């Protein structure tokens, strides 16, 4: 039993289950206000934003923390991988293979995207003139609004 409570997978699945149950049975809990207004700051070059409801606050916290840790994790993984190889020829071979893999997978993804676009025809039935009218209306509305605040 003690091993179960120290298992990360158990806690992740428990949190997912709790989130589903709370969202289904008590949806107003997500709209519970925790801040008076949205909080925005820049920390370490990353914009941190906390919404004013509980669901926005928790979601924004999680996403911002993940975004803050991604760059150092990628940098350290690549750096430690290169240092661990030792031989520069080996590093070059692995880098070449990674570049080739990236190119092949990207080309494959583009081909899938083209085939899907040809099959489902996105945008079919959209009137371009109506879109132009809607854009011009929204642009005129936006021109009447002023934006002020701290952009630092």
Protein backbone atom coordinates (compact mmCIF):
# COMPACT_ATOMS: atom_id res chain seq x y z
CA UNK A 1 0.00 0.00 0.00
CA UNK A 2 2.87 2.38 0.81
CA UNK A 3 4.31 1.74 -2.66
CA UNK A 4 1.02 2.86 -4.24
CA UNK A 5 1.12 6.28 -2.55
CA UNK A 6 4.66 6.95 -3.75
CA UNK A 7 3.79 6.06 -7.37
CA UNK A 8 3.54 9.15 -9.60
CA UNK A 9 1.21 7.40 -12.05
CA UNK A 10 -1.26 6.74 -9.24
CA UNK A 11 -1.34 10.42 -8.28
CA UNK A 12 -1.73 11.58 -11.90
CA UNK A 13 -4.62 9.19 -12.50
CA UNK A 14 -6.20 10.18 -9.17
CA UNK A 15 -5.96 13.88 -10.08
CA UNK A 16 -7.49 13.24 -13.52
CA UNK A 17 -10.34 11.27 -11.96
CA UNK A 18 -10.93 13.95 -9.32
CA UNK A 19 -10.97 16.64 -12.02
CA UNK A 20 -13.51 14.72 -14.08
CA UNK A 21 -15.77 14.09 -11.09
CA UNK A 22 -15.62 17.69 -9.83
CA UNK A 23 -16.20 19.03 -13.36
CA UNK A 24 -19.20 16.79 -13.85
CA UNK A 25 -20.91 17.07 -10.45
CA UNK A 26 -19.83 20.57 -9.29
CA UNK A 27 -19.11 22.63 -12.46
CA UNK A 28 -19.63 25.94 -10.62
CA UNK A 29 -16.52 25.11 -8.55
CA UNK A 30 -14.37 25.97 -11.59
CA UNK A 31 -15.82 29.49 -11.70
CA UNK A 32 -15.02 30.20 -8.04
CA UNK A 33 -13.17 33.55 -7.94
CA UNK A 34 -9.68 33.45 -6.41
CA UNK A 35 -8.30 36.81 -7.62
CA UNK A 36 -9.96 40.18 -8.09
CA UNK A 37 -8.48 40.58 -11.57
CA UNK A 38 -6.16 38.75 -13.94
CA UNK A 39 -2.52 38.89 -12.81
CA UNK A 40 0.21 39.33 -15.48
CA UNK A 41 3.97 39.68 -14.95
CA UNK A 42 7.15 38.87 -16.83
CA UNK A 43 9.53 36.60 -14.93
CA UNK A 44 12.80 35.35 -16.44
CA UNK A 45 11.67 36.47 -19.89
CA UNK A 46 8.47 34.45 -19.64
CA UNK A 47 5.06 36.07 -19.27
CA UNK A 48 3.25 34.69 -16.24
CA UNK A 49 -0.52 35.05 -16.22
CA UNK A 50 -3.01 33.95 -13.58
CA UNK A 51 -6.73 34.09 -14.34
CA UNK A 52 -9.18 35.23 -11.72
CA UNK A 53 -11.27 32.03 -11.50
CA UNK A 54 -10.06 28.80 -9.92
CA UNK A 55 -9.92 26.84 -13.18
CA UNK A 56 -8.10 29.65 -15.00
CA UNK A 57 -5.70 30.10 -12.09
CA UNK A 58 -4.76 26.41 -11.87
CA UNK A 59 -4.59 25.96 -15.64
CA UNK A 60 -2.48 29.08 -16.16
CA UNK A 61 -0.14 28.09 -13.30
CA UNK A 62 0.43 24.65 -14.81
CA UNK A 63 0.99 25.90 -18.37
CA UNK A 64 3.30 28.73 -17.26
CA UNK A 65 5.40 26.41 -15.11
CA UNK A 66 5.74 23.94 -17.97
CA UNK A 67 6.72 26.75 -20.37
CA UNK A 68 9.34 28.04 -17.91
CA UNK A 69 10.98 24.62 -17.56
CA UNK A 70 10.92 23.51 -21.22
CA UNK A 71 13.88 25.59 -22.49
CA UNK A 72 16.33 24.63 -19.71
CA UNK A 73 15.33 20.97 -19.96
CA UNK A 74 15.91 20.89 -23.73
CA UNK A 75 19.21 22.78 -23.41
CA UNK A 76 20.53 20.54 -20.64
CA UNK A 77 19.40 17.36 -22.40
CA UNK A 78 21.23 18.29 -25.59
CA UNK A 79 24.31 19.56 -23.73
CA UNK A 80 24.60 16.49 -21.54
CA UNK A 81 24.04 14.24 -24.53
CA UNK A 82 26.89 15.88 -26.44
CA UNK A 83 29.19 15.85 -23.40
CA UNK A 84 28.39 12.21 -22.72
CA UNK A 85 29.34 11.14 -26.24
CA UNK A 86 32.89 12.41 -26.04
CA UNK A 87 33.79 11.67 -29.68
CA UNK A 88 33.02 14.58 -32.05
CA UNK A 89 32.55 12.21 -35.01
CA UNK A 90 29.86 10.42 -33.05
CA UNK A 91 28.21 13.76 -32.23
CA UNK A 92 28.22 14.67 -35.92
CA UNK A 93 26.71 11.33 -36.91
CA UNK A 94 23.97 11.60 -34.32
CA UNK A 95 23.28 15.22 -35.32
CA UNK A 96 23.09 14.20 -38.99
CA UNK A 97 20.70 11.37 -38.15
CA UNK A 98 18.56 13.73 -36.07
CA UNK A 99 18.43 16.25 -38.93
CA UNK A 100 17.53 13.52 -41.42
CA UNK A 101 14.84 12.20 -39.07
CA UNK A 102 13.43 15.72 -38.66
CA UNK A 103 13.31 16.26 -42.42
CA UNK A 104 11.65 12.90 -43.14
CA UNK A 105 9.05 13.26 -40.38
CA UNK A 106 8.28 16.87 -41.38
CA UNK A 107 7.85 15.88 -45.03
CA UNK A 108 5.60 12.99 -43.99
CA UNK A 109 3.49 15.34 -41.83
CA UNK A 110 3.16 17.82 -44.70
CA UNK A 111 2.05 15.06 -47.06
CA UNK A 112 -0.56 13.89 -44.56
CA UNK A 113 -1.79 17.48 -44.20
CA UNK A 114 -2.08 17.91 -47.97
CA UNK A 115 -3.97 14.63 -48.37
CA UNK A 116 -6.36 15.49 -45.53
CA UNK A 117 -6.95 18.96 -47.03
CA UNK A 118 -7.70 17.43 -50.43
CA UNK A 119 -10.12 14.95 -48.87
CA UNK A 120 -12.10 17.18 -46.48
CA UNK A 121 -11.86 20.50 -48.41
CA UNK A 122 -11.55 22.94 -45.49
CA UNK A 123 -13.29 26.24 -46.11
CA UNK A 124 -15.76 24.81 -48.59
CA UNK A 125 -19.01 26.72 -48.41
CA UNK A 126 -17.45 29.86 -46.93
CA UNK A 127 -18.42 33.02 -48.77
CA UNK A 128 -15.24 35.11 -49.26
CA UNK A 129 -17.24 38.33 -49.61
CA UNK A 130 -18.96 37.74 -46.26
CA UNK A 131 -15.55 37.15 -44.68
CA UNK A 132 -14.23 40.44 -46.10
CA UNK A 133 -17.29 42.29 -44.76
CA UNK A 134 -16.88 40.70 -41.30
CA UNK A 135 -13.18 41.58 -41.23
CA UNK A 136 -13.82 45.20 -42.19
CA UNK A 137 -16.55 45.50 -39.53
CA UNK A 138 -14.25 44.10 -36.84
CA UNK A 139 -11.41 46.36 -37.97
CA UNK A 140 -13.63 49.43 -37.65
CA UNK A 141 -14.73 48.31 -34.18
CA UNK A 142 -11.10 47.73 -33.15
CA UNK A 143 -10.08 51.16 -34.42
CA UNK A 144 -12.53 52.76 -31.98
CA UNK A 145 -10.98 51.02 -28.94
CA UNK A 146 -7.98 52.38 -27.13
CA UNK A 147 -5.43 50.17 -25.47
CA UNK A 148 -3.57 51.33 -22.41
CA UNK A 149 -1.61 49.54 -19.78
CA UNK A 150 1.80 48.36 -18.75
CA UNK A 151 3.49 46.51 -21.61
CA UNK A 152 6.84 46.07 -19.84
